[in-house]
Amino acid sequence: MLHSVRTRIAAGVVVGLCVMPNVARAQGAEAETGTEPLRGPATAWSSFLPILGAEAERRGYELPLPFGISVNGFALNEPYRVEELRLSLNDGAPRSVSSQLLRVSAVEVAARSTTLRADVWLFPFLNVYGIGGYSRGKAVLGLTLLPGAQGLTKEIRIPTLRYEGPTYGGGVVLAGGYKNFFATLDANRTTTRVDLLDSHVNTVVVGSRLGWRQKFGDVHGSWWLGAMYQKSSQTMTGSVSAAADAPSIRFEVDQTTDKPWNLLIGTQWELGPHWWCLLEGGLGDRKQVLGSVNYRF
């Protein structure tokens, strides 16, 4: 029997997106002489952004249109490690449970998110963006209390917890390129207001990517490898009981990310100056998939 469950879930991690640039050095005589701009002012909504953009184009760098709106979908499965479990009976003070009275199987968080992102290139090397959307998921705790814990006479399993709520935040991207190579460093902070929480969850994610950009007719394709670091700590609380007429047992579970690093591999296709499509996957103990459609103006 489950009562008044509350959980702290770092759902904000699921919206950490990269804004992959086309800042590689352009090829050809026009780029070398700087006599022909690579992005005409009539194609951009703003003629003054990015700052220093005209100078960068004169030096032969191909820049994206400054503003962008994108729709993004994200899915993640990530293992966690239990740091401590505390129990309390009849509103008593929580007491730590010995590891000998606790059986731990797989502890995993599965999250899904749909977000809208707006971004702008302030400088040729600096993009800032804001995020808003909705996240949902579940936490499989895999914890079983053994007889003897807080006077229990039989096993009690801590339940799987489901959550959802709005997510919002923002971030910055630093980018650079040389010939067909490019590199980015992305950092973002998000807040998620989970329906099972009285407060909200803040998450910080940092990712770096190194890639190659190539032109195929009127289409540009990019491929990259990268790494992401995401470390979050969570405290889940709720209550369970052995039977309908038994007193409830409140629990508090402290857990943290088991493997904060994972490998990234991705691709982006620019279908002209306005429409971009992106697909990125995360490999390792934390597995993730990101899909994005971006309109630039």
Protein backbone atom coordinates (compact mmCIF):
# COMPACT_ATOMS: atom_id res chain seq x y z
CA MET A 1 0.00 0.00 0.00
CA LEU A 2 1.48 3.36 -1.05
CA HIS A 3 0.83 6.71 0.63
CA SER A 4 1.72 10.34 -0.19
CA VAL A 5 4.88 9.62 -2.17
CA ARG A 6 7.31 12.47 -2.86
CA THR A 7 10.45 12.16 -4.99
CA ARG A 8 13.34 14.37 -6.08
CA ILE A 9 14.17 13.57 -9.70
CA ALA A 10 16.73 15.40 -11.82
CA ALA A 11 14.40 15.53 -14.80
CA GLY A 12 16.02 18.71 -16.03
CA VAL A 13 18.93 16.75 -17.48
CA VAL A 14 16.79 15.53 -20.32
CA VAL A 15 16.73 18.89 -22.03
CA GLY A 16 20.44 19.50 -22.31
CA LEU A 17 20.75 20.25 -26.08
CA CYS A 18 23.62 21.35 -28.25
CA VAL A 19 23.34 24.11 -30.85
CA MET A 20 25.68 22.76 -33.51
CA PRO A 21 27.18 25.66 -35.52
CA ASN A 22 28.30 26.02 -39.09
CA VAL A 23 31.35 28.09 -38.21
CA ALA A 24 33.85 26.10 -40.22
CA ARG A 25 36.25 28.05 -42.41
CA ALA A 26 34.80 28.35 -45.92
CA GLN A 27 36.64 27.11 -49.00
CA GLY A 28 37.10 28.86 -52.36
CA ALA A 29 38.31 32.14 -53.84
CA GLU A 30 35.43 34.24 -52.51
CA ALA A 31 36.22 33.19 -48.95
CA GLU A 32 39.92 33.88 -49.35
CA THR A 33 39.45 37.37 -50.76
CA GLY A 34 36.46 38.31 -48.60
CA THR A 35 34.85 40.07 -51.58
CA GLU A 36 31.54 38.17 -51.40
CA PRO A 37 29.61 37.72 -48.15
CA LEU A 38 28.62 34.13 -47.35
CA ARG A 39 25.30 35.12 -45.75
CA GLY A 40 23.30 37.86 -47.42
CA PRO A 41 21.58 40.31 -45.06
CA ALA A 42 18.21 39.72 -46.76
CA THR A 43 18.19 36.11 -45.50
CA ALA A 44 18.53 37.07 -41.83
CA TRP A 45 15.87 38.50 -39.53
CA SER A 46 18.50 40.69 -37.89
CA SER A 47 21.23 42.57 -39.76
CA PHE A 48 23.38 43.33 -36.69
CA LEU A 49 23.62 39.88 -35.04
CA PRO A 50 25.87 38.21 -34.40
CA ILE A 51 28.11 41.01 -33.17
CA LEU A 52 31.39 40.89 -35.13
CA GLY A 53 29.63 38.65 -37.68
CA ALA A 54 30.53 40.81 -40.68
CA GLU A 55 34.20 40.73 -39.69
CA ALA A 56 34.10 36.95 -39.30
CA GLU A 57 32.55 36.54 -42.75
CA ARG A 58 35.17 38.82 -44.30
CA ARG A 59 37.76 36.46 -42.87
CA GLY A 60 36.08 33.51 -44.58
CA TYR A 61 33.94 31.99 -41.84
CA GLU A 62 30.46 30.74 -42.73
CA LEU A 63 27.95 31.70 -40.05
CA PRO A 64 24.41 30.44 -39.34
CA LEU A 65 21.39 32.74 -39.30
CA PRO A 66 21.36 34.36 -35.85
CA PHE A 67 17.98 33.25 -34.44
CA GLY A 68 16.55 29.77 -34.05
CA ILE A 69 13.44 27.97 -32.77
CA SER A 70 13.58 24.19 -32.31
CA VAL A 71 11.36 21.33 -31.15
CA ASN A 72 13.23 18.60 -29.29
CA GLY A 73 12.49 15.11 -28.02
CA PHE A 74 14.72 13.32 -25.52
CA ALA A 75 14.78 9.87 -23.85
CA LEU A 76 17.19 8.70 -21.15
CA ASN A 77 17.91 5.62 -19.03
CA GLU A 78 20.45 6.04 -16.25
CA PRO A 79 21.66 3.91 -13.31
CA TYR A 80 21.84 5.37 -9.80
CA ARG A 81 23.61 4.35 -6.62
CA VAL A 82 21.88 4.23 -3.22
CA GLU A 83 23.82 6.20 -0.61
CA GLU A 84 21.54 5.72 2.40
CA LEU A 85 18.05 4.54 3.35
CA ARG A 86 16.25 5.92 6.41
CA LEU A 87 13.00 4.67 7.97
CA SER A 88 10.62 6.07 10.55
CA LEU A 89 7.57 4.55 12.28
CA ASN A 90 4.56 6.48 13.54
CA ASP A 91 6.05 9.89 12.68
CA GLY A 92 9.22 9.13 14.61
CA ALA A 93 12.67 10.44 13.72
CA PRO A 94 14.17 8.79 10.60
CA ARG A 95 16.82 6.19 11.38
CA SER A 96 19.43 4.81 8.99
CA VAL A 97 18.97 1.18 7.90
CA SER A 98 21.95 -1.15 8.02
CA SER A 99 23.03 -2.52 4.64
CA GLN A 100 22.59 -6.01 6.12
CA LEU A 101 18.83 -5.38 6.37
CA LEU A 102 18.49 -4.02 2.82
CA ARG A 103 18.55 -5.88 -0.48
CA VAL A 104 19.41 -3.70 -3.48
CA SER A 105 18.82 -4.73 -7.10
CA ALA A 106 18.83 -2.42 -10.13
CA VAL A 107 18.29 1.27 -9.31
CA GLU A 108 17.47 3.18 -12.50
CA VAL A 109 15.75 6.35 -13.69
CA ALA A 110 14.00 6.45 -17.08
CA ALA A 111 13.01 9.92 -18.30
CA ARG A 112 11.31 11.40 -21.37
CA SER A 113 11.04 15.07 -22.34
CA THR A 114 9.57 17.28 -25.07
CA THR A 115 10.88 20.85 -25.17
CA LEU A 116 10.88 24.04 -27.21
CA ARG A 117 14.15 25.97 -27.43
CA ALA A 118 14.82 29.53 -28.64
CA ASP A 119 18.43 30.54 -29.31
CA VAL A 120 20.45 33.46 -30.67
CA TRP A 121 24.08 33.85 -31.76
CA LEU A 122 25.27 36.97 -29.90
CA PHE A 123 28.80 36.55 -31.26
CA PRO A 124 30.15 34.20 -33.94
CA PHE A 125 31.51 32.06 -31.09
CA LEU A 126 28.73 32.47 -28.47
CA ASN A 127 25.14 31.19 -28.56
CA VAL A 128 22.62 31.61 -25.72
CA TYR A 129 19.32 29.75 -25.47
CA GLY A 130 16.23 29.28 -23.35
CA ILE A 131 14.29 26.04 -22.83
CA GLY A 132 10.70 25.25 -21.91
CA GLY A 133 8.85 21.96 -22.00
CA TYR A 134 7.49 18.99 -20.11
CA SER A 135 9.24 15.98 -18.56
CA ARG A 136 7.99 12.65 -17.25
CA GLY A 137 9.53 9.40 -16.12
CA LYS A 138 9.87 6.76 -13.46
CA ALA A 139 12.40 5.76 -10.80
CA VAL A 140 12.88 2.01 -10.31
CA LEU A 141 14.35 1.87 -6.81
CA GLY A 142 14.91 -1.88 -6.55
CA LEU A 143 15.02 -1.79 -2.72
CA THR A 144 13.64 -4.47 -0.40
CA LEU A 145 13.50 -4.09 3.38
CA LEU A 146 14.36 -7.36 5.14
CA PRO A 147 12.86 -8.65 8.42
CA GLY A 148 14.44 -6.92 11.39
CA ALA A 149 14.54 -3.42 9.90
CA GLN A 150 12.56 -1.19 12.27
CA GLY A 151 10.98 -4.31 13.79
CA LEU A 152 9.59 -5.67 10.50
CA THR A 153 8.55 -9.32 10.51
CA LYS A 154 8.43 -9.74 6.72
CA GLU A 155 9.93 -8.23 3.58
CA ILE A 156 8.62 -4.94 2.18
CA ARG A 157 9.57 -3.67 -1.27
CA ILE A 158 10.01 0.08 -1.87
CA PRO A 159 7.75 0.90 -4.84
CA THR A 160 8.59 2.29 -8.27
CA LEU A 161 7.83 6.02 -8.37
CA ARG A 162 6.44 7.88 -11.41
CA TYR A 163 6.70 11.63 -11.88
CA GLU A 164 6.06 14.45 -14.37
CA GLY A 165 6.19 18.23 -14.53
CA PRO A 166 7.22 21.33 -16.50
CA THR A 167 10.88 22.02 -17.24
CA TYR A 168 12.51 25.36 -18.02
CA GLY A 169 16.00 26.85 -18.08
CA GLY A 170 18.77 28.12 -20.30
CA GLY A 171 22.34 27.69 -21.39
CA VAL A 172 25.28 28.87 -23.46
CA VAL A 173 27.35 27.35 -26.26
CA LEU A 174 30.94 28.29 -27.07
CA ALA A 175 31.89 27.32 -30.63
CA GLY A 176 34.83 27.53 -32.97
CA GLY A 177 35.96 26.10 -36.27
CA TYR A 178 38.94 25.64 -38.58
CA LYS A 179 38.44 24.59 -42.19
CA ASN A 180 35.93 21.70 -41.92
CA PHE A 181 36.51 21.02 -38.22
CA PHE A 182 34.43 22.49 -35.41
CA ALA A 183 34.28 22.22 -31.62
CA THR A 184 31.63 23.23 -29.08
CA LEU A 185 31.29 23.46 -25.32
CA ASP A 186 27.69 23.48 -24.04
CA ALA A 187 26.55 24.23 -20.47
CA ASN A 188 22.97 24.55 -19.30
CA ARG A 189 20.96 24.81 -16.10
CA THR A 190 17.34 23.70 -15.90
CA THR A 191 14.60 23.57 -13.28
CA THR A 192 11.86 20.93 -13.17
CA ARG A 193 8.77 21.22 -10.98
CA VAL A 194 7.84 17.60 -10.36
CA ASP A 195 4.25 16.82 -9.40
CA LEU A 196 5.43 14.58 -6.54
CA LEU A 197 7.54 17.34 -5.03
CA ASP A 198 6.82 20.30 -2.80
CA SER A 199 9.88 22.06 -4.23
CA HIS A 200 11.74 22.00 -7.56
CA VAL A 201 14.85 20.31 -8.95
CA ASN A 202 17.85 22.15 -10.42
CA THR A 203 20.22 20.36 -12.78
CA VAL A 204 23.48 21.41 -14.46
CA VAL A 205 24.82 19.57 -17.53
CA VAL A 206 28.10 20.16 -19.42
CA GLY A 207 28.94 18.62 -22.80
CA SER A 208 31.76 18.99 -25.33
CA ARG A 209 31.79 17.96 -29.00
CA LEU A 210 34.39 17.77 -31.77
CA GLY A 211 33.24 17.22 -35.33
CA TRP A 212 33.51 17.58 -39.11
CA ARG A 213 31.22 19.54 -41.47
CA GLN A 214 30.95 18.81 -45.19
CA LYS A 215 28.89 20.26 -48.05
CA PHE A 216 26.86 18.06 -50.42
CA GLY A 217 25.33 20.29 -53.10
CA ASP A 218 22.99 22.67 -51.25
CA VAL A 219 23.02 20.54 -48.09
CA HIS A 220 25.58 20.53 -45.27
CA GLY A 221 26.14 17.48 -43.08
CA SER A 222 27.96 17.39 -39.75
CA TRP A 223 29.18 14.48 -37.64
CA TRP A 224 30.72 14.59 -34.19
CA LEU A 225 31.94 12.72 -31.14
CA GLY A 226 31.73 14.14 -27.66
CA ALA A 227 31.37 13.58 -23.94
CA MET A 228 28.77 14.68 -21.39
CA TYR A 229 29.09 15.06 -17.64
CA GLN A 230 25.95 15.01 -15.51
CA LYS A 231 26.04 14.54 -11.76
CA SER A 232 22.90 14.76 -9.67
CA SER A 233 21.87 13.72 -6.17
CA GLN A 234 18.29 12.89 -5.26
CA THR A 235 16.32 12.24 -2.10
CA MET A 236 13.13 10.23 -2.53
CA THR A 237 10.60 10.06 0.29
CA GLY A 238 7.29 8.31 0.75
CA SER A 239 5.58 5.70 2.85
CA VAL A 240 4.64 2.02 2.59
CA SER A 241 2.87 -0.47 4.84
CA ALA A 242 2.94 -4.25 5.09
CA ALA A 243 -0.88 -4.46 5.18
CA ALA A 244 -3.95 -2.24 5.07
CA ASP A 245 -4.30 -2.27 8.87
CA ALA A 246 -0.55 -2.00 9.60
CA PRO A 247 1.12 1.29 10.57
CA SER A 248 2.82 3.12 7.72
CA ILE A 249 6.58 3.19 7.43
CA ARG A 250 8.08 6.37 6.02
CA PHE A 251 11.22 6.07 3.94
CA GLU A 252 13.91 8.45 2.71
CA VAL A 253 16.31 7.24 0.01
CA ASP A 254 19.46 9.20 -0.83
CA GLN A 255 20.86 8.29 -4.24
CA THR A 256 23.31 9.75 -6.73
CA THR A 257 24.36 9.28 -10.34
CA ASP A 258 26.39 6.10 -10.59
CA LYS A 259 28.26 6.90 -13.83
CA PRO A 260 28.35 10.69 -14.52
CA TRP A 261 30.22 10.48 -17.85
CA ASN A 262 29.03 9.08 -21.15
CA LEU A 263 30.07 9.20 -24.81
CA LEU A 264 28.14 11.20 -27.42
CA ILE A 265 27.83 10.54 -31.15
CA GLY A 266 25.66 12.61 -33.44
CA THR A 267 24.87 14.11 -36.81
CA GLN A 268 23.17 17.25 -38.10
CA TRP A 269 21.88 18.10 -41.57
CA GLU A 270 21.31 21.69 -42.72
CA LEU A 271 18.63 21.59 -45.44
CA GLY A 272 19.44 25.08 -46.63
CA PRO A 273 19.99 28.12 -44.37
CA HIS A 274 16.68 27.83 -42.50
CA TRP A 275 15.97 24.18 -41.61
CA TRP A 276 18.28 21.97 -39.53
CA CYS A 277 17.71 18.39 -38.31
CA LEU A 278 19.76 16.83 -35.51
CA LEU A 279 20.08 13.32 -34.06
CA GLU A 280 22.39 12.44 -31.17
CA GLY A 281 22.87 9.34 -29.03
CA GLY A 282 24.58 8.73 -25.71
CA LEU A 283 26.57 5.53 -25.16
CA GLY A 284 27.80 3.93 -21.96
CA ASP A 285 26.02 3.29 -18.67
CA ARG A 286 23.79 6.30 -19.31
CA LYS A 287 21.94 5.78 -22.60
CA GLN A 288 20.12 8.65 -24.28
CA VAL A 289 18.61 9.67 -27.63
CA LEU A 290 17.99 13.26 -28.75
CA GLY A 291 16.10 14.39 -31.85
CA SER A 292 15.68 18.03 -32.88
CA VAL A 293 14.19 20.08 -35.75
CA ASN A 294 15.43 23.68 -35.87
CA TYR A 295 14.22 26.68 -37.90
CA ARG A 296 16.70 29.56 -38.28
CA PHE A 297 15.94 33.13 -39.34
